[in-house]
């Protein structure tokens, strides 16, 4: 029983990233709650069975942030998901994802991981400072920050204990705070919301290309494909042999095809999510399979009421989960041995944090690595000339 609770806790370890963005895109962009959580549930279950180790399922983060900020409708988001599916499906079908990933310097992978760690910490602070969800009874921001810090500390204590289900404890506490603040939502009803085929128009494709796809693609390939494959090997070793860049790209492609056709949440994988699963107890495929089953049951059982039910989770509790994962992910980025490599990784992280754009941070990292390689060649040629 104890092991089962740890696995379920690990399987739910990434909800700190999933739920805030899912709630926002359901409320702001009009995504179908049943399609959102049903799609996430099916993807979790499919990846568990195929990859045979826990693999994270997250929203396309830059994609989601742009969609929320611009107030894009569900049809435009569907068009973006279908284009993402086409691009990554092509890379997977031609075997290009593996080839490109094999040429990724380790220092850039660690730089992406440092960037994700900093972005998670920033997101945790911003989420905690909100206090509570819009239109609900307010929670003092200072109290919310305190809840976040306590939640993070609880997760570390559970991690050190080796058996306590940290994320289940924090989520339960978050629900308790939500109930104390605002009580049970009114008008709840059983059953799923109707899911209809999404049909983007011509204008939707153009907006999705410029506002969503171009901002998301470098992040998706760098973090969801290359860095995810790397961190899976770091945590699970040979058990993660099926988790290759090509297969991850193919998985994201199929998932976005489903999301685009159903009006659901455009998903990806993520290195930070893998860290969340592993550090909170997930060791086998059944961790994420169980989490996926729970999401699917929620989607089918109370899909019509999910937007209201999810607001029971106090933002501070989710912020604590994000902070914990950010700290754990930073430890991965700190494994570089050379001082100059650490400087490159830190540069990628700082540029990403200041700009809010992981793609820009990645491009700066590429430029720094290329300049360093050129400088080494020049210096090497100089030493050869002196020796001659």
Protein backbone atom coordinates (compact mmCIF):
# COMPACT_ATOMS: atom_id res chain seq x y z
CA UNK A 1 0.00 0.00 0.00
CA UNK A 2 2.82 2.40 0.91
CA UNK A 3 4.55 1.76 -2.42
CA UNK A 4 1.30 2.31 -4.33
CA UNK A 5 0.77 5.67 -2.61
CA UNK A 6 4.33 6.73 -3.47
CA UNK A 7 3.80 5.78 -7.10
CA UNK A 8 0.51 7.70 -7.30
CA UNK A 9 2.16 10.65 -5.56
CA UNK A 10 4.93 10.60 -8.16
CA UNK A 11 2.43 10.24 -10.99
CA UNK A 12 0.67 13.42 -9.81
CA UNK A 13 3.95 15.23 -9.20
CA UNK A 14 3.64 17.44 -12.28
CA UNK A 15 0.16 18.86 -11.65
CA UNK A 16 1.72 22.09 -10.37
CA UNK A 17 2.52 22.90 -14.01
CA UNK A 18 -0.50 21.25 -15.62
CA UNK A 19 -3.42 22.54 -13.57
CA UNK A 20 -2.76 26.32 -13.56
CA UNK A 21 -2.33 26.45 -17.35
CA UNK A 22 -5.22 24.05 -17.98
CA UNK A 23 -7.57 26.07 -15.77
CA UNK A 24 -6.53 29.31 -17.48
CA UNK A 25 -6.97 27.94 -21.00
CA UNK A 26 -10.38 26.49 -20.16
CA UNK A 27 -11.53 29.77 -18.61
CA UNK A 28 -9.86 32.29 -20.96
CA UNK A 29 -9.61 30.46 -24.29
CA UNK A 30 -12.72 28.30 -24.11
CA UNK A 31 -11.06 24.89 -24.31
CA UNK A 32 -13.30 21.93 -23.57
CA UNK A 33 -12.56 20.65 -20.04
CA UNK A 34 -13.45 17.07 -20.94
CA UNK A 35 -11.20 17.14 -24.00
CA UNK A 36 -8.39 18.76 -21.97
CA UNK A 37 -8.26 16.27 -19.11
CA UNK A 38 -9.43 13.29 -21.15
CA UNK A 39 -6.62 13.95 -23.65
CA UNK A 40 -4.03 14.33 -20.87
CA UNK A 41 -5.27 11.12 -19.26
CA UNK A 42 -5.09 9.12 -22.50
CA UNK A 43 -1.60 10.46 -23.26
CA UNK A 44 -0.32 9.57 -19.79
CA UNK A 45 -1.71 6.04 -20.13
CA UNK A 46 -0.34 5.58 -23.65
CA UNK A 47 3.16 6.84 -22.78
CA UNK A 48 3.25 4.60 -19.70
CA UNK A 49 2.45 1.53 -21.76
CA UNK A 50 4.76 2.41 -24.64
CA UNK A 51 7.84 3.94 -22.99
CA UNK A 52 7.60 1.68 -19.88
CA UNK A 53 8.92 4.42 -17.57
CA UNK A 54 7.25 7.58 -16.24
CA UNK A 55 7.16 10.27 -18.96
CA UNK A 56 5.72 13.69 -18.19
CA UNK A 57 2.73 15.25 -19.94
CA UNK A 58 2.59 19.06 -19.88
CA UNK A 59 0.97 21.89 -21.80
CA UNK A 60 3.05 23.54 -24.54
CA UNK A 61 4.16 26.32 -22.18
CA UNK A 62 5.16 29.18 -24.52
CA UNK A 63 2.18 28.25 -26.68
CA UNK A 64 -0.17 28.38 -23.68
CA UNK A 65 1.26 31.63 -22.34
CA UNK A 66 0.84 33.37 -25.70
CA UNK A 67 -2.68 31.99 -26.16
CA UNK A 68 -3.76 33.20 -22.71
CA UNK A 69 -2.11 36.62 -23.06
CA UNK A 70 -3.65 37.22 -26.50
CA UNK A 71 -7.04 35.70 -25.63
CA UNK A 72 -6.97 33.40 -28.67
CA UNK A 73 -9.99 31.21 -29.27
CA UNK A 74 -10.15 27.42 -29.28
CA UNK A 75 -10.09 27.19 -33.10
CA UNK A 76 -6.78 29.10 -33.34
CA UNK A 77 -5.28 26.91 -30.62
CA UNK A 78 -6.46 23.83 -32.50
CA UNK A 79 -4.73 25.09 -35.67
CA UNK A 80 -1.49 25.59 -33.73
CA UNK A 81 -1.69 22.07 -32.30
CA UNK A 82 -2.21 20.57 -35.76
CA UNK A 83 0.79 22.47 -37.16
CA UNK A 84 2.96 21.34 -34.24
CA UNK A 85 1.82 17.80 -34.94
CA UNK A 86 2.82 18.09 -38.60
CA UNK A 87 6.31 19.50 -37.89
CA UNK A 88 7.26 17.01 -35.18
CA UNK A 89 5.66 14.14 -37.07
CA UNK A 90 7.86 14.96 -40.07
CA UNK A 91 11.00 15.06 -37.90
CA UNK A 92 10.11 11.70 -36.37
CA UNK A 93 9.18 10.03 -39.65
CA UNK A 94 12.44 11.09 -41.33
CA UNK A 95 14.58 10.20 -38.32
CA UNK A 96 15.77 13.80 -38.08
CA UNK A 97 14.99 14.22 -34.38
CA UNK A 98 17.62 11.64 -33.40
CA UNK A 99 20.18 13.17 -35.78
CA UNK A 100 19.67 16.70 -34.56
CA UNK A 101 19.65 15.62 -30.91
CA UNK A 102 22.93 13.71 -31.32
CA UNK A 103 24.62 16.99 -32.28
CA UNK A 104 23.33 18.84 -29.23
CA UNK A 105 26.25 19.69 -26.91
CA UNK A 106 25.60 18.51 -23.34
CA UNK A 107 26.22 22.04 -22.11
CA UNK A 108 23.19 23.28 -24.09
CA UNK A 109 21.02 20.52 -22.66
CA UNK A 110 22.09 21.57 -19.16
CA UNK A 111 21.49 25.20 -20.10
CA UNK A 112 17.92 24.37 -21.08
CA UNK A 113 17.50 22.55 -17.77
CA UNK A 114 18.85 25.59 -15.89
CA UNK A 115 16.39 27.76 -17.82
CA UNK A 116 13.47 25.53 -16.93
CA UNK A 117 14.51 25.60 -13.25
CA UNK A 118 14.54 29.41 -13.20
CA UNK A 119 11.25 29.69 -15.08
CA UNK A 120 9.60 27.25 -12.66
CA UNK A 121 10.81 29.29 -9.69
CA UNK A 122 9.52 32.50 -11.29
CA UNK A 123 6.17 30.87 -12.10
CA UNK A 124 5.90 29.64 -8.51
CA UNK A 125 6.38 33.17 -7.13
CA UNK A 126 3.86 34.68 -9.56
CA UNK A 127 1.28 31.98 -8.85
CA UNK A 128 1.62 32.35 -5.07
CA UNK A 129 1.32 36.14 -5.26
CA UNK A 130 -2.09 35.81 -6.95
CA UNK A 131 -3.52 34.62 -3.63
CA UNK A 132 -6.53 32.90 -5.16
CA UNK A 133 -8.20 32.30 -8.51
CA UNK A 134 -10.21 35.14 -10.09
CA UNK A 135 -13.78 35.68 -8.82
CA UNK A 136 -13.17 33.60 -5.68
CA UNK A 137 -12.84 34.62 -2.04
CA UNK A 138 -9.41 36.28 -1.74
CA UNK A 139 -6.47 34.69 0.06
CA UNK A 140 -3.89 37.14 1.38
CA UNK A 141 -0.82 37.01 -0.92
CA UNK A 142 1.52 36.77 2.08
CA UNK A 143 -0.46 33.79 3.37
CA UNK A 144 -0.37 32.25 -0.11
CA UNK A 145 3.42 32.65 -0.26
CA UNK A 146 3.62 31.04 3.17
CA UNK A 147 1.50 28.12 1.93
CA UNK A 148 3.88 27.75 -1.01
CA UNK A 149 6.96 27.65 1.21
CA UNK A 150 5.36 25.19 3.62
CA UNK A 151 4.23 23.01 0.69
CA UNK A 152 7.75 23.01 -0.74
CA UNK A 153 9.18 22.10 2.69
CA UNK A 154 6.66 19.27 3.04
CA UNK A 155 7.74 17.88 -0.32
CA UNK A 156 11.39 17.93 0.74
CA UNK A 157 10.52 16.24 4.04
CA UNK A 158 8.55 13.56 2.21
CA UNK A 159 11.39 13.13 -0.24
CA UNK A 160 13.84 12.56 2.61
CA UNK A 161 11.43 10.23 4.41
CA UNK A 162 11.57 7.85 1.46
CA UNK A 163 7.94 6.74 1.72
CA UNK A 164 5.48 9.58 2.45
CA UNK A 165 3.34 10.57 -0.60
CA UNK A 166 4.36 14.23 -0.78
CA UNK A 167 2.24 15.47 -3.68
CA UNK A 168 -0.89 13.78 -2.30
CA UNK A 169 -0.34 15.53 1.07
CA UNK A 170 0.21 18.92 -0.59
CA UNK A 171 -2.76 18.54 -2.95
CA UNK A 172 -4.98 17.49 -0.05
CA UNK A 173 -3.83 20.52 1.92
CA UNK A 174 -4.47 22.75 -1.09
CA UNK A 175 -8.04 21.48 -1.37
CA UNK A 176 -8.58 22.03 2.37
CA UNK A 177 -7.39 25.65 2.06
CA UNK A 178 -9.63 26.16 -0.97
CA UNK A 179 -12.67 24.83 0.89
CA UNK A 180 -11.94 27.02 3.92
CA UNK A 181 -11.55 30.08 1.69
CA UNK A 182 -14.60 29.69 -0.50
CA UNK A 183 -16.52 26.51 0.25
CA UNK A 184 -17.75 23.97 -2.29
CA UNK A 185 -18.62 25.41 -5.73
CA UNK A 186 -22.30 25.63 -6.61
CA UNK A 187 -24.10 24.00 -9.52
CA UNK A 188 -21.91 20.91 -9.86
CA UNK A 189 -23.18 18.16 -12.13
CA UNK A 190 -22.03 14.72 -13.19
CA UNK A 191 -21.03 13.66 -16.68
CA UNK A 192 -18.68 14.91 -19.39
CA UNK A 193 -19.00 18.08 -21.43
CA UNK A 194 -19.82 17.37 -25.11
CA UNK A 195 -16.70 17.13 -27.29
CA UNK A 196 -16.96 18.31 -30.90
CA UNK A 197 -14.58 18.19 -33.85
CA UNK A 198 -12.45 21.35 -34.05
CA UNK A 199 -12.41 22.92 -37.54
CA UNK A 200 -9.91 25.83 -37.87
CA UNK A 201 -10.49 28.40 -40.61
CA UNK A 202 -7.93 30.08 -42.86
CA UNK A 203 -7.42 33.03 -40.51
CA UNK A 204 -6.87 30.67 -37.59
CA UNK A 205 -3.87 29.06 -39.33
CA UNK A 206 -2.10 32.35 -39.96
CA UNK A 207 -2.54 33.60 -36.40
CA UNK A 208 -1.45 30.25 -34.97
CA UNK A 209 1.71 30.21 -37.09
CA UNK A 210 2.95 33.66 -36.06
CA UNK A 211 1.68 33.85 -32.48
CA UNK A 212 2.01 30.25 -31.33
CA UNK A 213 4.11 27.85 -33.41
CA UNK A 214 7.21 29.98 -34.05
CA UNK A 215 7.56 30.83 -30.36
CA UNK A 216 7.04 27.25 -29.19
CA UNK A 217 9.01 25.10 -31.65
CA UNK A 218 12.57 25.74 -30.35
CA UNK A 219 11.40 25.21 -26.77
CA UNK A 220 9.58 21.99 -27.64
CA UNK A 221 12.52 20.44 -29.44
CA UNK A 222 15.10 21.58 -26.90
CA UNK A 223 13.21 20.75 -23.70
CA UNK A 224 10.51 18.24 -24.64
CA UNK A 225 12.63 16.13 -26.98
CA UNK A 226 16.38 16.52 -26.33
CA UNK A 227 16.42 17.42 -22.62
CA UNK A 228 13.63 14.95 -21.78
CA UNK A 229 15.50 12.07 -23.39
CA UNK A 230 18.61 13.09 -21.46
CA UNK A 231 16.92 13.31 -18.06
CA UNK A 232 15.07 10.03 -18.56
CA UNK A 233 18.43 8.29 -19.02
CA UNK A 234 19.81 10.09 -15.97
CA UNK A 235 17.02 8.84 -13.72
CA UNK A 236 16.06 5.48 -15.19
CA UNK A 237 19.21 4.33 -17.01
CA UNK A 238 18.73 1.47 -19.43
CA UNK A 239 15.07 1.20 -18.49
CA UNK A 240 14.56 4.40 -20.51
CA UNK A 241 16.09 2.96 -23.70
CA UNK A 242 12.77 3.41 -25.54
CA UNK A 243 12.72 7.13 -24.72
CA UNK A 244 14.56 8.45 -27.78
CA UNK A 245 14.24 11.88 -29.41
CA UNK A 246 12.50 10.39 -32.45
CA UNK A 247 9.94 8.56 -30.35
CA UNK A 248 9.31 11.58 -28.13
CA UNK A 249 8.77 13.73 -31.22
CA UNK A 250 6.35 11.12 -32.59
CA UNK A 251 4.50 10.97 -29.28
CA UNK A 252 4.09 14.76 -29.16
CA UNK A 253 2.95 14.75 -32.78
CA UNK A 254 0.19 12.19 -32.17
CA UNK A 255 -0.90 13.91 -28.96
CA UNK A 256 -1.23 17.29 -30.68
CA UNK A 257 -3.16 15.70 -33.53
CA UNK A 258 -5.70 14.45 -30.98
CA UNK A 259 -5.74 17.82 -29.18
CA UNK A 260 -6.17 19.73 -32.43
CA UNK A 261 -9.09 17.62 -33.59
CA UNK A 262 -10.90 17.57 -30.24
CA UNK A 263 -10.33 21.12 -29.02
CA UNK A 264 -8.16 19.91 -26.15
CA UNK A 265 -4.93 21.11 -24.55
CA UNK A 266 -1.87 21.07 -26.88
CA UNK A 267 0.58 18.87 -24.92
CA UNK A 268 4.26 18.06 -24.85
CA UNK A 269 6.70 16.22 -22.62
CA UNK A 270 9.22 18.03 -20.44
CA UNK A 271 12.44 17.46 -18.55
CA UNK A 272 11.13 19.34 -15.52
CA UNK A 273 8.07 17.12 -15.43
CA UNK A 274 10.20 13.99 -15.42
CA UNK A 275 12.10 15.40 -12.45
CA UNK A 276 8.80 16.08 -10.68
CA UNK A 277 7.61 12.51 -11.20
CA UNK A 278 10.87 10.91 -10.15
CA UNK A 279 11.64 13.08 -7.13
CA UNK A 280 8.11 12.63 -5.76
CA UNK A 281 8.17 8.86 -5.93
CA UNK A 282 7.47 7.60 -9.47
CA UNK A 283 9.65 4.62 -10.33
CA UNK A 284 7.51 2.53 -12.68
CA UNK A 285 5.16 3.08 -15.59
CA UNK A 286 2.19 2.49 -13.29
CA UNK A 287 2.77 5.84 -11.60
CA UNK A 288 1.83 7.86 -14.67
CA UNK A 289 -0.68 5.22 -15.84
CA UNK A 290 -2.54 5.65 -12.54
CA UNK A 291 -2.43 9.45 -12.85
CA UNK A 292 -3.73 9.21 -16.42
CA UNK A 293 -6.55 6.92 -15.32
CA UNK A 294 -7.54 9.44 -12.64
CA UNK A 295 -7.59 12.32 -15.16
CA UNK A 296 -9.69 10.25 -17.57
CA UNK A 297 -12.19 9.31 -14.84
CA UNK A 298 -12.48 12.97 -13.84
CA UNK A 299 -13.00 14.02 -17.47
CA UNK A 300 -15.74 11.47 -18.05
CA UNK A 301 -17.30 11.60 -14.58
CA UNK A 302 -17.41 15.35 -13.88
CA UNK A 303 -16.00 16.94 -17.03
CA UNK A 304 -18.78 19.51 -17.18
CA UNK A 305 -17.93 20.71 -13.65
CA UNK A 306 -14.13 20.43 -13.78
CA UNK A 307 -13.45 24.18 -14.28
CA UNK A 308 -15.21 24.89 -10.97
CA UNK A 309 -13.79 21.88 -9.11
CA UNK A 310 -10.19 22.70 -10.04
CA UNK A 311 -10.46 26.08 -8.37
CA UNK A 312 -10.64 24.25 -5.01
CA UNK A 313 -6.86 23.83 -5.25
CA UNK A 314 -5.31 26.85 -3.57
CA UNK A 315 -2.69 28.47 -5.87
CA UNK A 316 -0.15 28.50 -3.02
CA UNK A 317 -0.09 24.70 -2.88
CA UNK A 318 0.54 24.43 -6.62
CA UNK A 319 3.21 27.13 -6.34
CA UNK A 320 4.99 25.06 -3.70
CA UNK A 321 5.07 22.10 -6.07
CA UNK A 322 6.51 24.26 -8.84
CA UNK A 323 9.20 25.62 -6.52
CA UNK A 324 10.19 22.13 -5.38
CA UNK A 325 10.50 20.89 -8.96
CA UNK A 326 12.51 23.98 -9.94
CA UNK A 327 15.04 23.34 -7.17
CA UNK A 328 15.34 19.66 -8.06
CA UNK A 329 15.76 20.51 -11.73
CA UNK A 330 18.51 23.02 -10.95
CA UNK A 331 20.51 20.19 -9.40
CA UNK A 332 20.58 18.47 -12.80
CA UNK A 333 21.99 21.59 -14.44
CA UNK A 334 24.68 21.76 -11.76
CA UNK A 335 26.25 18.41 -12.77
CA UNK A 336 28.60 20.04 -15.31
CA UNK A 337 32.23 19.67 -14.18
CA UNK A 338 33.99 22.44 -16.17
CA UNK A 339 33.69 26.04 -14.97
CA UNK A 340 33.28 27.40 -18.51
CA UNK A 341 30.48 24.91 -19.21
CA UNK A 342 28.67 26.02 -16.06
CA UNK A 343 29.07 29.63 -17.20
CA UNK A 344 27.47 28.81 -20.57
CA UNK A 345 24.58 26.98 -18.90
CA UNK A 346 24.10 29.86 -16.46
CA UNK A 347 24.09 32.35 -19.36
CA UNK A 348 21.32 30.41 -21.10
CA UNK A 349 19.34 30.38 -17.86
CA UNK A 350 19.75 34.10 -17.11
CA UNK A 351 18.88 35.19 -20.67
CA UNK A 352 15.79 32.98 -20.53
CA UNK A 353 14.74 34.36 -17.15
CA UNK A 354 15.20 38.00 -18.20
CA UNK A 355 13.50 37.58 -21.58
CA UNK A 356 10.89 35.01 -20.58
CA UNK A 357 11.74 33.17 -23.81
CA UNK A 358 13.55 29.83 -23.64
CA UNK A 359 14.01 29.88 -27.41
CA UNK A 360 16.00 33.12 -27.15
CA UNK A 361 18.07 31.69 -24.31
CA UNK A 362 18.80 28.64 -26.41
CA UNK A 363 19.89 30.75 -29.40
CA UNK A 364 22.24 32.78 -27.18
CA UNK A 365 23.66 29.51 -25.87
CA UNK A 366 24.27 28.27 -29.43
CA UNK A 367 26.07 31.51 -30.24
CA UNK A 368 28.25 31.30 -27.11
CA UNK A 369 29.15 27.65 -27.75
CA UNK A 370 30.00 28.42 -31.39
CA UNK A 371 32.14 31.43 -30.38
CA UNK A 372 33.94 29.35 -27.76
CA UNK A 373 34.66 26.60 -30.29
CA UNK A 374 35.99 29.18 -32.78
CA UNK A 375 38.22 30.74 -30.12
CA UNK A 376 39.61 27.33 -29.20
CA UNK A 377 40.43 26.62 -32.86
CA UNK A 378 42.23 29.95 -33.22
CA UNK A 379 44.20 29.41 -30.02
CA UNK A 380 45.04 25.86 -31.07
CA UNK A 381 46.29 27.05 -34.44
CA UNK A 382 48.39 29.70 -32.72
CA UNK A 383 50.06 27.13 -30.48
CA UNK A 384 50.83 24.92 -33.51
CA UNK A 385 52.40 27.90 -35.30
CA UNK A 386 54.54 28.73 -32.27
CA UNK A 387 55.70 25.12 -31.97
CA UNK A 388 56.69 25.10 -35.65
